[in-house]
């Protein structure tokens, strides 16, 4: 099989995968069936949270990435590895910087010290704190509320907390969040695809970017998506070949941020019922990442 025919075959599979994932995501958004619960339960160990839109967003993101890879066009703006690393660190810190400004200077309805804020609106309440921040979710939700205010939706996008965030703060933070998502979720993986000619590696990098930004928006450093995303980036950056059994090395490196998280929160954090499944998810994705990098897939 020639290189061009192999590439054509890969592109065909990518288009099929992309269309399938986008179709499932559309089905989850447009309907209310038992499939919602099944998909949410499947992804819960790595996505967590009560926002039902997360699995649909992940499927749609990976589907779109597959279609972009199938087009194999050169990205308009490339993001190098150093720029991507700086962006990862920036969005990991952004929720806390934004939360400090929002939480200490915004007249919330009810304050319980400076660590926990409780708000309410209709039948939905929302909390935010320095250990589980919804600062960026409120900023993005304020923008979304303009478009979805009169649209009935089953998803909760932070509109309750959003009304307490001033526009001069919400707009720039929301724009920075969107820019980080585009850079980490699409531009950087596509530039890696162009340089290395791989497919699985950019898809895993795209998932890492999605998880990192999602975690920053909803939860901050203490939530699973951001921790899982940082673990994948760590595996990709370190390329754990120092270990003879590099699969074991990948698992150790990938789970490291989760272990740090456990130490910061409580020592028994990893003993929670969902924790073993979360560790299994991060371990599996870390191994997949290092296989893709090591084998040039």
Protein backbone atom coordinates (compact mmCIF):
# COMPACT_ATOMS: atom_id res chain seq x y z
CA UNK A 1 0.00 0.00 0.00
CA UNK A 2 1.43 3.39 -1.02
CA UNK A 3 1.70 6.33 1.37
CA UNK A 4 -0.99 8.29 -0.48
CA UNK A 5 -3.46 5.40 -0.45
CA UNK A 6 -2.73 4.79 3.24
CA UNK A 7 -3.32 8.47 3.96
CA UNK A 8 -6.57 8.38 1.99
CA UNK A 9 -7.71 5.38 4.01
CA UNK A 10 -6.86 7.09 7.30
CA UNK A 11 -8.73 10.23 6.18
CA UNK A 12 -11.78 8.14 5.36
CA UNK A 13 -11.76 6.56 8.81
CA UNK A 14 -11.29 9.96 10.43
CA UNK A 15 -14.28 11.39 8.56
CA UNK A 16 -16.44 8.43 9.57
CA UNK A 17 -15.34 8.73 13.19
CA UNK A 18 -15.90 12.48 13.19
CA UNK A 19 -19.38 12.21 11.70
CA UNK A 20 -20.31 9.44 14.15
CA UNK A 21 -19.12 11.36 17.22
CA UNK A 22 -20.81 14.58 16.12
CA UNK A 23 -24.01 12.61 15.48
CA UNK A 24 -23.95 11.12 18.99
CA UNK A 25 -23.27 14.57 20.48
CA UNK A 26 -26.20 16.06 18.53
CA UNK A 27 -28.44 13.22 19.69
CA UNK A 28 -27.49 13.84 23.33
CA UNK A 29 -28.24 17.55 23.01
CA UNK A 30 -31.47 17.27 21.01
CA UNK A 31 -33.14 14.38 22.85
CA UNK A 32 -33.72 13.18 26.38
CA UNK A 33 -33.18 9.41 26.33
CA UNK A 34 -31.47 6.77 28.51
CA UNK A 35 -28.44 7.25 26.26
CA UNK A 36 -27.73 10.49 28.18
CA UNK A 37 -27.30 8.63 31.45
CA UNK A 38 -25.20 5.88 29.87
CA UNK A 39 -22.78 8.28 28.21
CA UNK A 40 -22.56 10.46 31.30
CA UNK A 41 -21.88 7.45 33.52
CA UNK A 42 -19.17 6.26 31.12
CA UNK A 43 -17.30 9.58 31.10
CA UNK A 44 -18.05 10.60 34.70
CA UNK A 45 -14.75 9.36 36.23
CA UNK A 46 -12.78 11.83 34.12
CA UNK A 47 -15.35 14.61 33.50
CA UNK A 48 -17.27 14.52 36.83
CA UNK A 49 -19.69 17.25 37.87
CA UNK A 50 -23.42 17.64 37.42
CA UNK A 51 -23.27 19.45 34.07
CA UNK A 52 -24.81 16.99 31.62
CA UNK A 53 -23.40 18.88 28.64
CA UNK A 54 -19.81 17.80 29.34
CA UNK A 55 -19.96 14.39 27.59
CA UNK A 56 -21.70 15.92 24.57
CA UNK A 57 -19.08 18.67 24.39
CA UNK A 58 -16.24 16.14 24.58
CA UNK A 59 -17.73 13.96 21.83
CA UNK A 60 -18.39 16.98 19.62
CA UNK A 61 -14.86 18.27 20.21
CA UNK A 62 -13.15 14.98 19.28
CA UNK A 63 -15.48 14.58 16.29
CA UNK A 64 -14.60 18.03 14.99
CA UNK A 65 -10.90 17.36 15.55
CA UNK A 66 -11.16 14.15 13.50
CA UNK A 67 -12.74 16.06 10.62
CA UNK A 68 -10.04 18.75 10.78
CA UNK A 69 -7.30 16.12 10.72
CA UNK A 70 -8.95 14.47 7.73
CA UNK A 71 -8.73 17.77 5.87
CA UNK A 72 -4.99 17.89 6.77
CA UNK A 73 -4.85 21.57 5.88
CA UNK A 74 -2.13 23.70 7.43
CA UNK A 75 -3.50 25.65 10.44
CA UNK A 76 -3.83 29.39 9.95
CA UNK A 77 -1.92 30.05 13.16
CA UNK A 78 0.50 27.51 14.57
CA UNK A 79 1.06 27.12 18.30
CA UNK A 80 4.50 25.80 19.19
CA UNK A 81 5.28 23.55 22.13
CA UNK A 82 6.60 26.36 24.33
CA UNK A 83 3.60 28.55 23.61
CA UNK A 84 1.30 25.63 24.38
CA UNK A 85 3.12 25.00 27.66
CA UNK A 86 2.76 28.65 28.66
CA UNK A 87 -0.93 28.54 27.75
CA UNK A 88 -1.46 25.43 29.90
CA UNK A 89 0.13 27.12 32.91
CA UNK A 90 -1.81 30.30 32.24
CA UNK A 91 -5.24 28.71 32.13
CA UNK A 92 -4.40 26.63 35.21
CA UNK A 93 -3.81 29.89 37.09
CA UNK A 94 -6.54 31.93 35.41
CA UNK A 95 -9.51 30.56 37.40
CA UNK A 96 -7.91 31.52 40.67
CA UNK A 97 -6.89 34.99 39.58
CA UNK A 98 -10.39 35.57 38.24
CA UNK A 99 -11.98 34.03 41.30
CA UNK A 100 -10.04 36.26 43.66
CA UNK A 101 -11.24 39.35 41.82
CA UNK A 102 -14.82 38.11 41.50
CA UNK A 103 -15.21 36.61 44.95
CA UNK A 104 -13.64 39.40 46.95
CA UNK A 105 -15.18 42.31 45.05
CA UNK A 106 -18.61 41.12 43.90
CA UNK A 107 -21.73 41.63 46.06
CA UNK A 108 -23.00 38.05 46.11
CA UNK A 109 -26.35 37.30 47.66
CA UNK A 110 -24.80 35.22 50.43
CA UNK A 111 -21.22 34.89 51.59
CA UNK A 112 -19.87 32.20 53.87
CA UNK A 113 -16.45 33.71 54.48
CA UNK A 114 -14.13 34.05 51.50
CA UNK A 115 -13.94 30.35 50.69
CA UNK A 116 -17.54 29.53 49.82
CA UNK A 117 -20.17 31.61 48.07
CA UNK A 118 -23.74 30.39 47.66
CA UNK A 119 -26.13 31.92 45.19
CA UNK A 120 -29.64 31.04 44.13
CA UNK A 121 -31.97 31.67 41.23
CA UNK A 122 -35.30 29.99 40.66
CA UNK A 123 -34.94 26.30 41.45
CA UNK A 124 -31.20 26.25 40.76
CA UNK A 125 -28.50 27.16 43.23
CA UNK A 126 -24.83 27.52 42.51
CA UNK A 127 -21.74 27.58 44.68
CA UNK A 128 -18.20 28.72 44.06
CA UNK A 129 -15.09 28.68 46.20
CA UNK A 130 -11.34 28.91 46.00
CA UNK A 131 -11.16 25.11 46.11
CA UNK A 132 -13.82 24.58 43.43
CA UNK A 133 -14.07 27.73 41.40
CA UNK A 134 -16.81 28.62 38.92
CA UNK A 135 -15.27 32.00 38.13
CA UNK A 136 -14.67 31.35 34.43
CA UNK A 137 -17.94 29.41 34.11
CA UNK A 138 -19.76 32.51 35.33
CA UNK A 139 -17.92 34.70 32.82
CA UNK A 140 -18.61 32.37 29.89
CA UNK A 141 -22.17 31.86 31.14
CA UNK A 142 -22.80 35.59 31.11
CA UNK A 143 -22.00 35.67 27.39
CA UNK A 144 -24.03 32.53 26.67
CA UNK A 145 -26.99 33.94 28.57
CA UNK A 146 -27.39 36.62 25.91
CA UNK A 147 -28.03 33.93 23.30
CA UNK A 148 -29.80 31.33 25.46
CA UNK A 149 -31.86 33.49 27.79
CA UNK A 150 -35.11 32.72 25.98
CA UNK A 151 -34.14 29.20 24.92
CA UNK A 152 -35.29 26.29 27.04
CA UNK A 153 -32.32 24.05 27.75
CA UNK A 154 -31.70 21.13 30.06
CA UNK A 155 -28.11 22.23 30.63
CA UNK A 156 -26.80 24.45 33.39
CA UNK A 157 -24.16 26.86 32.10
CA UNK A 158 -23.50 29.12 35.08
CA UNK A 159 -26.17 31.74 34.46
CA UNK A 160 -27.04 32.00 38.17
CA UNK A 161 -23.59 33.12 39.25
CA UNK A 162 -23.09 35.06 36.01
CA UNK A 163 -25.46 37.86 37.00
CA UNK A 164 -23.12 38.80 39.84
CA UNK A 165 -20.12 39.21 37.52
CA UNK A 166 -19.59 42.69 35.98
CA UNK A 167 -19.35 42.88 32.20
CA UNK A 168 -15.89 44.54 32.18
CA UNK A 169 -14.56 41.44 33.94
CA UNK A 170 -16.67 38.78 32.22
CA UNK A 171 -15.90 39.72 28.61
CA UNK A 172 -12.06 39.65 28.68
CA UNK A 173 -11.93 36.50 30.82
CA UNK A 174 -14.43 34.75 28.53
CA UNK A 175 -12.45 35.78 25.43
CA UNK A 176 -9.19 34.54 26.98
CA UNK A 177 -10.88 31.23 27.81
CA UNK A 178 -12.15 30.81 24.24
CA UNK A 179 -8.73 31.70 22.83
CA UNK A 180 -7.08 29.12 25.11
CA UNK A 181 -9.59 26.50 23.98
CA UNK A 182 -8.91 27.16 20.30
CA UNK A 183 -5.13 27.16 20.84
CA UNK A 184 -4.90 24.02 22.96
CA UNK A 185 -7.85 22.13 21.53
CA UNK A 186 -7.14 22.67 17.83
CA UNK A 187 -4.18 24.82 16.75
CA UNK A 188 -1.47 23.10 18.75
CA UNK A 189 -2.60 19.53 17.90
CA UNK A 190 -2.90 20.47 14.22
CA UNK A 191 0.60 21.97 14.20
CA UNK A 192 1.94 18.75 15.79
CA UNK A 193 0.12 16.78 13.09
CA UNK A 194 1.78 18.88 10.39
CA UNK A 195 5.26 18.49 11.89
CA UNK A 196 5.16 14.79 12.78
CA UNK A 197 2.52 13.39 10.43
CA UNK A 198 0.83 11.56 13.31
CA UNK A 199 -2.93 11.21 13.92
CA UNK A 200 -3.45 9.61 17.33
CA UNK A 201 -0.93 11.95 19.01
CA UNK A 202 -2.75 15.16 17.96
CA UNK A 203 -6.11 13.63 18.92
CA UNK A 204 -4.78 12.87 22.42
CA UNK A 205 -3.28 16.38 22.62
CA UNK A 206 -6.65 17.78 21.57
CA UNK A 207 -8.36 15.80 24.35
CA UNK A 208 -5.74 17.09 26.81
CA UNK A 209 -6.46 20.66 25.73
CA UNK A 210 -10.21 20.17 26.01
CA UNK A 211 -9.93 18.68 29.51
CA UNK A 212 -7.55 21.39 30.69
CA UNK A 213 -9.79 24.24 29.55
CA UNK A 214 -12.96 22.49 30.74
CA UNK A 215 -11.41 21.99 34.18
CA UNK A 216 -10.36 25.63 34.35
CA UNK A 217 -13.89 26.76 33.48
CA UNK A 218 -15.66 24.42 35.87
CA UNK A 219 -13.74 23.57 39.01
CA UNK A 220 -10.15 24.73 38.74
CA UNK A 221 -7.09 22.74 39.75
CA UNK A 222 -9.01 20.60 42.23
CA UNK A 223 -11.28 19.07 39.60
CA UNK A 224 -10.64 15.91 37.61
CA UNK A 225 -10.72 17.30 34.02
CA UNK A 226 -7.92 19.80 34.62
CA UNK A 227 -5.86 17.25 36.58
CA UNK A 228 -6.35 14.64 33.84
CA UNK A 229 -5.43 17.19 31.15
CA UNK A 230 -2.27 18.21 33.00
CA UNK A 231 -1.35 14.54 33.38
CA UNK A 232 -1.62 13.99 29.62
CA UNK A 233 0.50 17.07 28.89
CA UNK A 234 3.08 15.87 31.40
CA UNK A 235 3.31 12.47 29.71
CA UNK A 236 3.60 14.11 26.30
CA UNK A 237 6.32 16.52 27.48
CA UNK A 238 8.37 14.00 29.49
CA UNK A 239 7.99 11.07 27.07
CA UNK A 240 8.77 8.54 29.81
CA UNK A 241 11.34 6.43 27.98
CA UNK A 242 13.63 6.50 31.02
CA UNK A 243 11.62 3.54 32.29
CA UNK A 244 12.38 0.19 30.65
CA UNK A 245 8.73 -0.64 30.80
CA UNK A 246 7.64 2.72 29.43
CA UNK A 247 3.95 1.90 29.81
CA UNK A 248 4.44 1.77 33.57
CA UNK A 249 6.37 5.04 33.37
CA UNK A 250 3.54 6.67 31.44
CA UNK A 251 1.01 5.56 34.04
CA UNK A 252 3.11 6.91 36.91
CA UNK A 253 3.76 10.26 35.22
CA UNK A 254 0.13 10.66 34.11
CA UNK A 255 -1.32 9.98 37.57
CA UNK A 256 1.22 12.27 39.30
CA UNK A 257 -0.99 15.41 39.20
CA UNK A 258 -3.82 13.36 40.71
CA UNK A 259 -1.55 12.27 43.55
CA UNK A 260 -0.56 15.91 44.15
CA UNK A 261 -4.24 16.83 44.15
CA UNK A 262 -4.91 14.16 46.77
CA UNK A 263 -2.14 15.50 49.00
CA UNK A 264 -3.44 19.07 48.69
CA UNK A 265 -7.04 18.16 49.47
CA UNK A 266 -7.04 15.22 51.87
CA UNK A 267 -4.76 12.22 52.12
CA UNK A 268 -7.70 9.85 51.76
CA UNK A 269 -9.04 11.51 48.61
CA UNK A 270 -8.07 8.62 46.37
CA UNK A 271 -10.06 6.26 48.60
CA UNK A 272 -13.36 7.78 47.44
CA UNK A 273 -15.62 5.40 45.44
CA UNK A 274 -15.14 7.12 42.08
CA UNK A 275 -11.36 7.58 42.52
CA UNK A 276 -10.23 4.13 41.24
CA UNK A 277 -12.19 4.66 38.02
CA UNK A 278 -10.69 8.13 37.62
CA UNK A 279 -7.19 6.74 38.12
CA UNK A 280 -7.95 4.02 35.56
CA UNK A 281 -9.10 6.65 33.04
CA UNK A 282 -6.00 8.82 33.51
CA UNK A 283 -3.72 5.78 33.40
CA UNK A 284 -5.32 4.50 30.20
CA UNK A 285 -5.14 7.88 28.46
CA UNK A 286 -1.53 8.35 29.60
CA UNK A 287 -0.53 4.98 28.15
CA UNK A 288 -2.35 5.80 24.92
CA UNK A 289 -0.52 9.11 24.72
CA UNK A 290 2.93 7.60 25.20
CA UNK A 291 2.19 4.80 22.72
CA UNK A 292 1.18 7.41 20.15
CA UNK A 293 4.33 9.46 20.74
CA UNK A 294 6.75 6.53 20.93
CA UNK A 295 5.36 4.71 17.92
CA UNK A 296 4.75 7.81 15.81
CA UNK A 297 1.04 7.11 15.45
